[in-house]
Protein backbone atom coordinates (compact mmCIF):
# COMPACT_ATOMS: atom_id res chain seq x y z
CA MET A 1 12.18 72.51 0.76
CA GLN A 2 14.36 69.52 -0.06
CA ARG A 3 18.10 70.14 -0.32
CA VAL A 4 20.17 68.18 -2.82
CA LEU A 5 23.94 68.00 -3.28
CA PRO A 6 24.80 66.61 -6.74
CA LEU A 7 28.12 64.74 -6.78
CA TYR A 8 29.56 63.30 -9.99
CA LEU A 9 32.42 60.82 -10.22
CA ALA A 10 34.28 61.25 -13.51
CA VAL A 11 36.26 58.01 -13.68
CA ASP A 12 39.13 57.47 -16.09
CA THR A 13 38.60 53.94 -17.42
CA SER A 14 41.53 53.88 -19.86
CA ALA A 15 43.58 50.69 -20.04
CA SER A 16 46.24 52.01 -17.65
CA MET A 17 43.56 52.51 -14.95
CA TYR A 18 42.94 48.80 -14.42
CA SER A 19 43.87 48.92 -10.73
CA GLY A 20 42.31 52.33 -10.29
CA VAL A 21 38.99 51.09 -11.64
CA GLU A 22 38.91 48.31 -9.04
CA ALA A 23 39.67 50.90 -6.35
CA VAL A 24 36.73 53.02 -7.50
CA GLN A 25 34.46 49.96 -7.27
CA GLN A 26 35.55 49.50 -3.67
CA ALA A 27 35.03 53.20 -2.94
CA LEU A 28 31.48 53.03 -4.32
CA ILE A 29 30.58 50.16 -2.01
CA GLN A 30 31.90 52.12 0.97
CA LEU A 31 30.02 55.24 -0.16
CA VAL A 32 26.71 53.38 -0.34
CA ASP A 33 27.30 51.99 3.15
CA GLU A 34 28.08 55.51 4.43
CA LEU A 35 24.92 57.03 2.95
CA LEU A 36 22.77 54.20 4.27
CA SER A 37 24.19 54.59 7.78
CA SER A 38 23.70 58.37 7.83
CA PRO A 39 20.07 59.23 6.98
CA ALA A 40 20.66 63.01 6.99
CA LEU A 41 23.52 62.64 4.51
CA GLY A 42 21.76 60.03 2.39
CA GLU A 43 18.69 62.25 2.08
CA GLN A 44 20.66 65.12 0.50
CA VAL A 45 23.43 63.51 -1.56
CA ARG A 46 22.83 62.36 -5.14
CA VAL A 47 25.59 60.61 -7.08
CA GLY A 48 26.17 60.24 -10.81
CA ILE A 49 29.02 58.37 -12.52
CA VAL A 50 30.54 59.17 -15.91
CA THR A 51 33.36 57.02 -17.26
CA PHE A 52 35.77 58.22 -19.92
CA SER A 53 38.54 56.86 -22.09
CA ASP A 54 38.30 57.20 -25.90
CA ASP A 55 34.75 58.42 -25.31
CA ALA A 56 32.54 59.21 -22.31
CA GLU A 57 29.54 57.32 -20.98
CA LEU A 58 26.97 57.99 -18.28
CA VAL A 59 26.94 54.69 -16.39
CA LEU A 60 24.91 55.90 -13.40
CA PRO A 61 22.45 58.81 -13.75
CA LEU A 62 22.22 61.13 -10.76
CA THR A 63 20.82 58.78 -8.14
CA ASP A 64 19.72 58.48 -4.54
CA MET A 65 22.29 55.86 -3.56
CA THR A 66 20.22 54.70 -0.60
CA GLU A 67 17.66 53.34 -3.08
CA LEU A 68 20.21 51.74 -5.42
CA ARG A 69 19.80 48.00 -5.89
CA SER A 70 23.13 47.41 -7.68
CA LEU A 71 26.24 49.31 -8.74
CA PRO A 72 27.56 49.62 -12.30
CA ARG A 73 30.55 47.45 -13.18
CA LEU A 74 33.41 49.56 -14.56
CA HIS A 75 35.80 48.25 -17.22
CA ALA A 76 39.20 49.60 -18.32
CA ARG A 77 39.96 50.11 -22.02
CA GLY A 78 41.35 52.67 -24.46
CA VAL A 79 43.22 55.92 -23.79
CA THR A 80 42.57 59.04 -21.70
CA ALA A 81 40.61 61.75 -23.54
CA TYR A 82 39.24 64.73 -21.62
CA GLY A 83 37.26 66.38 -24.44
CA PRO A 84 34.47 63.76 -24.61
CA LEU A 85 34.25 63.79 -20.81
CA PHE A 86 33.64 67.52 -20.45
CA HIS A 87 31.27 67.63 -23.45
CA GLN A 88 29.22 64.87 -21.83
CA LEU A 89 29.39 66.34 -18.33
CA ALA A 90 28.19 69.74 -19.53
CA ARG A 91 25.02 68.20 -20.97
CA ILE A 92 24.43 65.86 -18.03
CA VAL A 93 24.95 68.36 -15.22
CA GLU A 94 22.95 71.09 -16.95
CA ARG A 95 20.05 68.70 -17.55
CA ASP A 96 20.13 67.40 -13.96
CA LEU A 97 20.15 70.88 -12.44
CA ARG A 98 17.21 71.92 -14.60
CA ALA A 99 15.23 68.86 -13.52
CA LEU A 100 16.00 69.37 -9.83
CA ARG A 101 15.03 73.02 -9.86
CA ALA A 102 11.78 72.20 -11.65
CA ARG A 103 10.84 70.18 -8.55
CA ASP A 104 11.37 73.24 -6.31
CA THR A 105 14.58 71.80 -4.87
CA LEU A 106 17.34 73.79 -3.21
CA VAL A 107 20.36 72.61 -5.18
CA PHE A 108 23.89 72.86 -3.82
CA ARG A 109 26.63 73.75 -6.27
CA PRO A 110 27.53 70.46 -8.03
CA PHE A 111 30.90 68.86 -7.43
CA VAL A 112 32.79 66.69 -9.91
CA PHE A 113 35.48 64.29 -8.67
CA LEU A 114 37.89 63.67 -11.55
CA ILE A 115 39.71 60.37 -10.92
CA THR A 116 42.54 59.74 -13.39
CA ASP A 117 46.02 58.32 -13.84
CA GLY A 118 46.83 59.83 -17.24
CA LEU A 119 47.43 63.03 -19.14
CA PRO A 120 44.81 63.83 -21.80
CA VAL A 121 45.85 62.64 -25.26
CA ASP A 122 43.26 64.68 -27.18
CA GLY A 123 43.92 68.17 -28.45
CA GLY A 124 41.37 70.89 -27.77
CA TRP A 125 40.03 69.42 -24.55
CA GLU A 126 40.57 72.80 -22.90
CA ARG A 127 37.72 74.33 -24.95
CA ALA A 128 35.43 71.52 -23.85
CA PHE A 129 36.37 72.18 -20.24
CA GLN A 130 35.73 75.92 -20.55
CA GLU A 131 32.28 75.25 -21.98
CA PHE A 132 31.54 72.78 -19.18
CA ASP A 133 32.68 75.33 -16.61
CA ARG A 134 30.55 78.11 -18.13
CA ARG A 135 27.39 76.01 -18.38
CA THR A 136 27.48 74.25 -15.00
CA ARG A 137 29.59 76.34 -12.59
CA ALA A 138 30.50 73.01 -11.00
CA ARG A 139 33.44 72.74 -8.61
CA LEU A 140 36.14 70.25 -9.49
CA VAL A 141 38.14 67.98 -7.18
CA VAL A 142 41.03 66.09 -8.79
CA ILE A 143 42.18 62.67 -7.61
CA ALA A 144 45.39 61.85 -9.47
CA ILE A 145 46.93 58.39 -9.30
CA GLY A 146 50.63 58.13 -10.11
CA LEU A 147 50.82 61.58 -11.76
CA ARG A 148 53.65 63.90 -10.77
CA ASP A 149 55.01 67.22 -12.05
CA GLU A 150 53.88 66.55 -15.63
CA PHE A 151 50.28 67.05 -14.45
CA ALA A 152 50.86 70.65 -13.36
CA GLU A 153 49.89 72.23 -16.69
CA VAL A 154 46.61 70.30 -16.76
CA LEU A 155 45.81 71.46 -13.23
CA GLN A 156 46.36 75.08 -14.27
CA TRP A 157 43.53 74.67 -16.76
CA LEU A 158 41.21 72.75 -14.45
CA ARG A 159 41.57 75.08 -11.43
CA PRO A 160 40.30 72.47 -8.95
CA VAL A 161 39.28 73.40 -5.42
CA ALA A 162 41.34 70.45 -4.16
CA VAL A 163 43.92 68.01 -5.51
CA HIS A 164 44.75 64.60 -4.04
CA ARG A 165 47.73 62.72 -5.48
CA TRP A 166 48.67 59.16 -4.64
CA TYR A 167 51.45 57.12 -6.17
CA ASP A 168 50.66 53.61 -4.96
CA THR A 169 48.09 51.40 -6.65
CA ASP A 170 46.93 48.96 -3.98
CA ASP A 171 43.21 48.57 -4.73
CA GLU A 172 42.00 48.44 -1.14
CA LEU A 173 44.10 51.40 0.01
CA LEU A 174 43.14 53.52 -2.99
CA GLY A 175 39.49 52.60 -2.62
CA THR A 176 39.44 53.77 0.99
CA ARG A 177 41.25 56.99 0.10
CA ILE A 178 38.84 57.80 -2.74
CA PHE A 179 35.86 57.06 -0.53
CA THR A 180 37.27 59.26 2.25
CA VAL A 181 37.74 62.25 -0.06
CA VAL A 182 34.20 62.03 -1.47
CA SER A 183 32.62 61.34 1.93
CA ASN A 184 34.45 64.20 3.66
CA PHE A 185 33.37 66.67 0.97
CA ALA A 186 29.78 65.47 1.16
CA ARG A 187 29.65 65.84 4.94
CA SER A 188 31.35 69.23 4.94
CA LEU A 189 29.22 70.66 2.14
CA THR A 190 25.87 69.50 3.46
CA THR A 191 26.58 71.03 6.86
CA SER A 192 28.06 74.33 5.61
CA VAL A 193 25.05 76.00 3.98
CA MET A 194 24.58 79.53 5.27
CA LEU A 195 21.25 80.34 6.92
CA GLU A 196 20.22 82.94 4.36
CA PRO A 197 18.59 81.26 1.34
CA PRO A 198 20.17 81.89 -2.07
CA GLY A 199 18.57 84.02 -4.75
CA ARG A 200 16.58 82.41 -7.51
CA ASP A 201 19.56 81.86 -9.79
CA GLU A 202 22.25 81.43 -7.16
CA TYR A 203 23.75 78.47 -5.35
CA PRO A 204 24.03 78.34 -1.56
CA GLN A 205 27.38 79.80 -0.52
CA LEU A 206 29.52 76.78 0.20
CA PRO A 207 33.19 76.99 1.20
CA PRO A 208 35.50 74.29 -0.15
CA PRO A 209 36.11 71.75 2.65
CA GLN A 210 39.14 70.44 3.13
CA PRO A 211 24.12 45.19 5.92
CA PRO A 212 27.07 46.16 3.41
CA LEU A 213 27.00 45.74 -0.36
CA GLY A 214 29.00 42.75 -1.55
CA GLU A 215 30.44 41.58 -4.86
CA ALA A 216 27.11 40.07 -5.87
CA ASP A 217 25.50 43.52 -5.69
CA ILE A 218 27.78 44.96 -8.41
CA ARG A 219 26.50 44.47 -11.92
């Protein structure tokens, strides 16, 4: 039976994330290289990308990155709204899990990497998050850029399994850090499945872990 680990990057593309967006582009290139160079990892990991600002958009459906011919080009605009993101993610993740299970696939618990530099400006986003959490049971990893103590209340709602905070905005450095977080989780999760298979409606029991693409290949 094929095993699949769904990973989603939820990328804040608000105007203030201009540098962060470029860092994510660099991280994606490194991630593709990593999956191509590790057949066992590339066979199991599937990646989807949802961007959010005033609204949310699925820019890369859940994909085998080793078969990807080009990467989506991300653009910064607008403000940071969490409600549209979690409404969209709930539909996307639920649909993807249903499709994977219909193909008799052993699906790991999905992970969402929330990459943001801003506090949510929309009221009521917490209800959207709770609905997303109920429908998908996805684990959340937060990558916060430039956010300090003011982010604590948001984190209390999100209850992530891990939080990474960085205060510098050098594109290359941030890109490598983002890639490292995603890659380390992918490697840890795909090698941590217990031997006993899960029940029909359960996920495998996974503990929380602590030639290259070039510019021309990004559309």
